[in-house]
Amino acid sequence: MGKLVDGDDGLPVEEVGMWAKEKHTYLCRYIEISSATRKKYLGPEKGGAAYVDLFCGPGRSFIPESREWIDGGAVAAWKRSQAVGSPFTRIIVGDADPIRLSASVTRLRSLGAPVIALAGTANDVALKAIQKSPVYGLNFAFLDPYNLEALDFKIIEMLSRIKRMDILVHVSAMDLQRNLGTNIFGEQSAFDAFAPGWRDAVNLAQSQPSIRRDVFDYWRAIVAKLGVWPSTEIKLITGSKNQPLYWLLLAARHELAHKFWATASNLNRQRSLF
């Protein structure tokens, strides 16, 4: 988690890197591009549309490098859904930190968002999130964890139980690369929660780049078995020194959602992490 500091609106904000702006650009592009389809689920006697963010943070951030204040993911998503005329009917936010959650809820409510707050880790509140999501609606989840271990596979497994739940996922490439040795040789590994069963599926007697690739491919395969197919369009977000930070990719059942993400990500040729 980034450091909490006093915000420009009197509430706590989180310090983040410049990369956060790029991440939210893709998030908001997807919300905009999918707006016409979402609008079909809005209105009386319609299914509705929930936005789910179980790592919501305080709802606003500060970038020390550029001295900028920016909206957090849930706030940015709500604003964009309003701006394109297809606002989400529920904004379901959760966070393990009560200070961050409270700040996010306060900011969202001040904007008129229909907020449902869930206190606890994403793993703990995922069931409550799907219980609060409209069963017959068009729902969208953004999983933006602080590290790889927090992206417990059980969270995706739970969210995938909703028939129409498109999931935009942040997967930490940096954790896969930087902490590979610890995860391979330790009795307990961040990979165990992220990709359960990986030790039986990945050959550890190969180069580290190959192990990283195989762990990621294995994770994609077990997500696909849930019926929410990971996109082939994967956006690699890099840091100020061009170091790989994380991937953004969509997991969804429906081909239309993948077409939306292909347009939103506007994937250009990128170097391979491996």
Protein backbone atom coordinates (compact mmCIF):
# COMPACT_ATOMS: atom_id res chain seq x y z
CA MET A 1 0.00 0.00 0.00
CA GLY A 2 1.11 3.53 -0.67
CA LYS A 3 1.59 6.03 2.13
CA LEU A 4 -1.52 7.88 3.29
CA VAL A 5 -1.23 11.67 3.33
CA ASP A 6 -3.65 14.56 3.77
CA GLY A 7 -5.64 15.16 0.62
CA ASP A 8 -6.67 18.32 -1.19
CA ASP A 9 -10.27 17.73 -0.09
CA GLY A 10 -9.59 17.17 3.60
CA LEU A 11 -9.68 13.37 3.39
CA PRO A 12 -6.76 10.89 3.30
CA VAL A 13 -5.21 10.12 -0.08
CA GLU A 14 -2.68 7.50 -1.09
CA GLU A 15 0.68 8.24 -2.70
CA VAL A 16 1.06 6.42 -6.02
CA GLY A 17 3.36 6.38 -9.02
CA MET A 18 2.76 7.96 -12.41
CA TRP A 19 1.65 4.57 -13.72
CA ALA A 20 -1.66 4.90 -11.85
CA LYS A 21 -2.87 7.43 -14.43
CA GLU A 22 -2.31 4.97 -17.26
CA LYS A 23 -4.11 2.20 -15.38
CA HIS A 24 -7.17 4.37 -14.83
CA THR A 25 -7.13 5.45 -18.47
CA TYR A 26 -7.70 1.86 -19.57
CA LEU A 27 -10.29 1.30 -16.85
CA CYS A 28 -12.29 4.34 -17.93
CA ARG A 29 -11.93 3.53 -21.62
CA TYR A 30 -13.51 0.13 -21.01
CA ILE A 31 -16.38 1.68 -19.06
CA GLU A 32 -16.98 4.16 -21.86
CA ILE A 33 -16.77 1.64 -24.71
CA SER A 34 -19.14 -0.77 -22.94
CA SER A 35 -21.64 1.98 -22.07
CA ALA A 36 -24.18 1.27 -24.83
CA THR A 37 -24.47 -2.38 -23.79
CA ARG A 38 -24.67 -1.47 -20.10
CA LYS A 39 -27.45 1.03 -20.81
CA LYS A 40 -29.69 -1.87 -21.91
CA TYR A 41 -29.65 -3.09 -18.32
CA LEU A 42 -30.60 0.25 -16.75
CA GLY A 43 -34.04 1.51 -15.87
CA PRO A 44 -37.18 0.14 -14.21
CA GLU A 45 -37.55 -3.65 -14.26
CA LYS A 46 -34.12 -4.05 -15.83
CA GLY A 47 -31.27 -6.12 -14.45
CA GLY A 48 -29.04 -3.27 -13.29
CA ALA A 49 -25.26 -2.92 -13.40
CA ALA A 50 -22.82 -3.13 -10.50
CA TYR A 51 -19.24 -1.93 -10.36
CA VAL A 52 -17.19 -4.00 -7.88
CA ASP A 53 -13.84 -2.88 -6.45
CA LEU A 54 -12.60 -4.93 -3.50
CA PHE A 55 -9.23 -3.12 -3.23
CA CYS A 56 -10.76 0.34 -3.46
CA GLY A 57 -8.24 2.38 -1.46
CA PRO A 58 -9.20 5.88 -0.30
CA GLY A 59 -10.72 6.98 -3.62
CA ARG A 60 -8.14 9.64 -4.36
CA SER A 61 -4.36 9.62 -4.85
CA PHE A 62 -1.37 11.92 -4.96
CA ILE A 63 1.52 11.52 -7.40
CA PRO A 64 4.66 12.98 -5.74
CA GLU A 65 6.63 13.03 -9.02
CA SER A 66 4.22 15.36 -10.77
CA ARG A 67 2.49 16.85 -7.71
CA GLU A 68 -0.88 15.76 -9.14
CA TRP A 69 -4.08 14.77 -7.38
CA ILE A 70 -6.02 12.06 -9.20
CA ASP A 71 -9.19 10.07 -8.57
CA GLY A 72 -8.95 6.48 -7.38
CA GLY A 73 -10.35 3.66 -9.49
CA ALA A 74 -13.87 3.50 -8.05
CA VAL A 75 -14.34 7.27 -8.15
CA ALA A 76 -12.96 7.49 -11.69
CA ALA A 77 -15.22 4.61 -12.78
CA TRP A 78 -18.35 6.19 -11.31
CA LYS A 79 -17.60 9.57 -12.88
CA ARG A 80 -16.99 8.05 -16.29
CA SER A 81 -20.14 5.93 -16.17
CA GLN A 82 -22.12 9.09 -15.41
CA ALA A 83 -20.36 11.09 -18.10
CA VAL A 84 -21.28 8.59 -20.83
CA GLY A 85 -24.90 8.37 -19.72
CA SER A 86 -24.92 4.82 -18.37
CA PRO A 87 -24.19 5.09 -14.64
CA PHE A 88 -23.71 1.96 -12.60
CA THR A 89 -26.71 1.16 -10.41
CA ARG A 90 -24.49 -0.07 -7.57
CA ILE A 91 -20.92 0.79 -6.61
CA ILE A 92 -19.68 -2.02 -4.38
CA VAL A 93 -16.39 -1.14 -2.69
CA GLY A 94 -14.29 -2.99 -0.16
CA ASP A 95 -10.95 -2.60 1.55
CA ALA A 96 -9.10 -4.25 4.41
CA ASP A 97 -8.20 -0.82 5.82
CA PRO A 98 -11.18 0.96 7.42
CA ILE A 99 -9.57 4.39 6.92
CA ARG A 100 -9.21 3.84 3.19
CA LEU A 101 -12.68 2.38 2.87
CA SER A 102 -14.29 5.22 4.80
CA ALA A 103 -12.56 7.87 2.66
CA SER A 104 -13.62 6.11 -0.55
CA VAL A 105 -17.25 5.82 0.57
CA THR A 106 -17.35 9.48 1.64
CA ARG A 107 -16.00 10.63 -1.72
CA LEU A 108 -18.37 8.42 -3.70
CA ARG A 109 -21.43 9.47 -1.70
CA SER A 110 -20.56 13.12 -2.19
CA LEU A 111 -20.84 12.43 -5.93
CA GLY A 112 -24.23 10.77 -5.56
CA ALA A 113 -22.97 7.25 -6.14
CA PRO A 114 -25.16 4.33 -4.94
CA VAL A 115 -22.47 2.91 -2.65
CA ILE A 116 -22.39 -0.41 -0.85
CA ALA A 117 -19.39 -0.69 1.51
CA LEU A 118 -17.81 -4.00 2.50
CA ALA A 119 -15.18 -3.95 5.25
CA GLY A 120 -12.52 -6.65 5.10
CA THR A 121 -10.02 -8.28 2.80
CA ALA A 122 -11.10 -8.99 -0.76
CA ASN A 123 -11.04 -12.69 0.00
CA ASP A 124 -13.31 -12.20 3.01
CA VAL A 125 -15.90 -10.01 1.30
CA ALA A 126 -16.04 -11.54 -2.20
CA LEU A 127 -19.10 -13.62 -1.32
CA LYS A 128 -20.90 -10.55 0.02
CA ALA A 129 -19.99 -8.71 -3.18
CA ILE A 130 -21.71 -11.23 -5.41
CA GLN A 131 -24.69 -11.34 -3.07
CA LYS A 132 -25.03 -7.57 -3.51
CA SER A 133 -24.55 -7.68 -7.29
CA PRO A 134 -27.68 -7.87 -9.47
CA VAL A 135 -28.04 -11.50 -10.54
CA TYR A 136 -29.56 -10.61 -13.91
CA GLY A 137 -27.52 -7.46 -14.43
CA LEU A 138 -24.38 -6.59 -16.38
CA ASN A 139 -21.64 -6.34 -13.78
CA PHE A 140 -18.02 -5.26 -13.91
CA ALA A 141 -15.29 -5.89 -11.33
CA PHE A 142 -11.89 -4.22 -11.11
CA LEU A 143 -9.33 -6.22 -9.11
CA ASP A 144 -6.44 -3.91 -8.31
CA PRO A 145 -4.46 -5.54 -5.46
CA TYR A 146 -1.28 -4.21 -3.88
CA ASN A 147 0.66 -7.38 -4.57
CA LEU A 148 0.37 -10.80 -6.16
CA GLU A 149 -0.45 -12.66 -2.95
CA ALA A 150 -3.51 -10.45 -2.35
CA LEU A 151 -4.92 -11.62 -5.70
CA ASP A 152 -6.21 -14.85 -4.17
CA PHE A 153 -7.66 -17.16 -6.81
CA LYS A 154 -10.72 -17.64 -4.59
CA ILE A 155 -11.73 -14.02 -5.29
CA ILE A 156 -11.95 -14.61 -9.03
CA GLU A 157 -13.60 -17.97 -8.43
CA MET A 158 -16.30 -16.27 -6.35
CA LEU A 159 -16.91 -13.37 -8.75
CA SER A 160 -17.16 -15.76 -11.70
CA ARG A 161 -20.31 -17.29 -10.19
CA ILE A 162 -22.29 -14.31 -11.46
CA LYS A 163 -23.31 -14.99 -15.06
CA ARG A 164 -22.50 -11.50 -16.33
CA MET A 165 -19.43 -10.39 -14.39
CA ASP A 166 -16.59 -9.03 -16.51
CA ILE A 167 -13.38 -8.79 -14.48
CA LEU A 168 -10.48 -6.43 -15.22
CA VAL A 169 -7.47 -7.81 -13.35
CA HIS A 170 -4.15 -6.26 -12.30
CA VAL A 171 -1.50 -9.01 -12.09
CA SER A 172 1.81 -7.96 -10.57
CA ALA A 173 4.57 -8.72 -13.07
CA MET A 174 7.02 -7.13 -10.64
CA ASP A 175 6.18 -9.69 -7.93
CA LEU A 176 6.55 -12.54 -10.40
CA GLN A 177 9.98 -11.28 -11.37
CA ARG A 178 11.44 -9.86 -8.19
CA ASN A 179 10.27 -12.47 -5.70
CA LEU A 180 10.54 -15.57 -7.86
CA GLY A 181 13.33 -17.24 -5.88
CA THR A 182 11.52 -16.79 -2.57
CA ASN A 183 8.31 -18.18 -4.00
CA ILE A 184 10.01 -21.20 -5.56
CA PHE A 185 12.06 -22.32 -2.59
CA GLY A 186 9.92 -21.21 0.34
CA GLU A 187 7.55 -23.66 2.00
CA GLN A 188 4.84 -21.06 1.65
CA SER A 189 4.57 -18.97 -1.48
CA ALA A 190 2.56 -16.02 -2.74
CA PHE A 191 1.95 -18.19 -5.78
CA ASP A 192 -0.03 -20.68 -3.66
CA ALA A 193 -2.91 -18.24 -3.21
CA PHE A 194 -2.56 -16.69 -6.67
CA ALA A 195 -2.37 -19.96 -8.64
CA PRO A 196 -3.20 -22.95 -6.42
CA GLY A 197 -1.62 -26.17 -7.65
CA TRP A 198 1.13 -24.40 -9.58
CA ARG A 199 3.93 -26.58 -8.15
CA ASP A 200 2.45 -29.64 -9.81
CA ALA A 201 2.08 -27.88 -13.15
CA VAL A 202 5.33 -25.93 -13.53
CA ASN A 203 8.76 -27.39 -14.23
CA LEU A 204 11.12 -25.75 -11.71
CA ALA A 205 14.24 -27.17 -13.39
CA GLN A 206 14.26 -24.48 -16.08
CA SER A 207 15.29 -20.86 -16.40
CA GLN A 208 13.61 -18.25 -14.21
CA PRO A 209 12.04 -16.45 -17.21
CA SER A 210 10.49 -19.77 -18.27
CA ILE A 211 9.19 -20.42 -14.76
CA ARG A 212 7.60 -16.96 -14.64
CA ARG A 213 5.97 -17.52 -18.01
CA ASP A 214 4.67 -20.94 -17.00
CA VAL A 215 3.23 -19.70 -13.68
CA PHE A 216 1.40 -16.92 -15.50
CA ASP A 217 0.17 -19.29 -18.22
CA TYR A 218 -0.99 -21.79 -15.58
CA TRP A 219 -2.94 -19.02 -13.81
CA ARG A 220 -4.60 -18.06 -17.09
CA ALA A 221 -5.54 -21.69 -17.65
CA ILE A 222 -7.20 -22.18 -14.26
CA VAL A 223 -9.08 -18.90 -14.62
CA ALA A 224 -10.34 -20.09 -18.01
CA LYS A 225 -11.67 -23.26 -16.36
CA LEU A 226 -14.02 -21.03 -14.36
CA GLY A 227 -15.67 -20.05 -17.63
CA VAL A 228 -14.29 -16.49 -17.64
CA TRP A 229 -11.67 -16.53 -20.36
CA PRO A 230 -8.58 -14.34 -19.86
CA SER A 231 -8.06 -12.00 -22.79
CA THR A 232 -5.22 -12.39 -25.24
CA GLU A 233 -4.90 -8.60 -25.22
CA ILE A 234 -2.68 -7.93 -22.21
CA LYS A 235 -1.53 -4.43 -21.35
CA LEU A 236 1.90 -4.27 -19.73
CA ILE A 237 2.22 -1.23 -17.47
CA THR A 238 5.78 -0.07 -16.87
CA GLY A 239 7.45 2.26 -14.38
CA SER A 240 9.49 5.43 -14.86
CA LYS A 241 12.58 3.36 -15.74
CA ASN A 242 10.61 1.13 -18.11
CA GLN A 243 10.61 -1.68 -15.55
CA PRO A 244 7.60 -4.04 -15.83
CA LEU A 245 5.10 -3.40 -13.04
CA TYR A 246 1.95 -5.31 -13.87
CA TRP A 247 -0.35 -6.60 -16.55
CA LEU A 248 -3.96 -5.55 -17.08
CA LEU A 249 -6.19 -8.14 -18.70
CA LEU A 250 -9.87 -8.93 -18.88
CA ALA A 251 -11.52 -12.18 -17.79
CA ALA A 252 -15.02 -12.57 -19.21
CA ARG A 253 -17.47 -15.13 -20.57
CA HIS A 254 -18.75 -13.16 -23.50
CA GLU A 255 -16.95 -12.39 -26.73
CA LEU A 256 -18.39 -8.87 -26.82
CA ALA A 257 -16.63 -8.01 -23.56
CA HIS A 258 -13.32 -9.16 -25.06
CA LYS A 259 -13.96 -7.01 -28.13
CA PHE A 260 -14.57 -4.03 -25.85
CA TRP A 261 -11.28 -4.70 -24.02
CA ALA A 262 -9.35 -5.11 -27.29
CA THR A 263 -10.51 -1.64 -28.27
CA ALA A 264 -10.03 -0.13 -24.81
CA SER A 265 -6.52 -1.47 -24.37
CA ASN A 266 -5.52 -0.49 -27.91
CA LEU A 267 -2.66 -2.91 -27.56
CA ASN A 268 0.51 -1.94 -29.38
CA ARG A 269 3.47 -4.20 -29.89
CA GLN A 270 5.25 -4.49 -26.53
CA ARG A 271 8.38 -6.21 -25.42
CA SER A 272 7.90 -9.49 -23.60
CA LEU A 273 8.51 -9.61 -19.88
CA PHE A 274 10.06 -13.04 -20.28
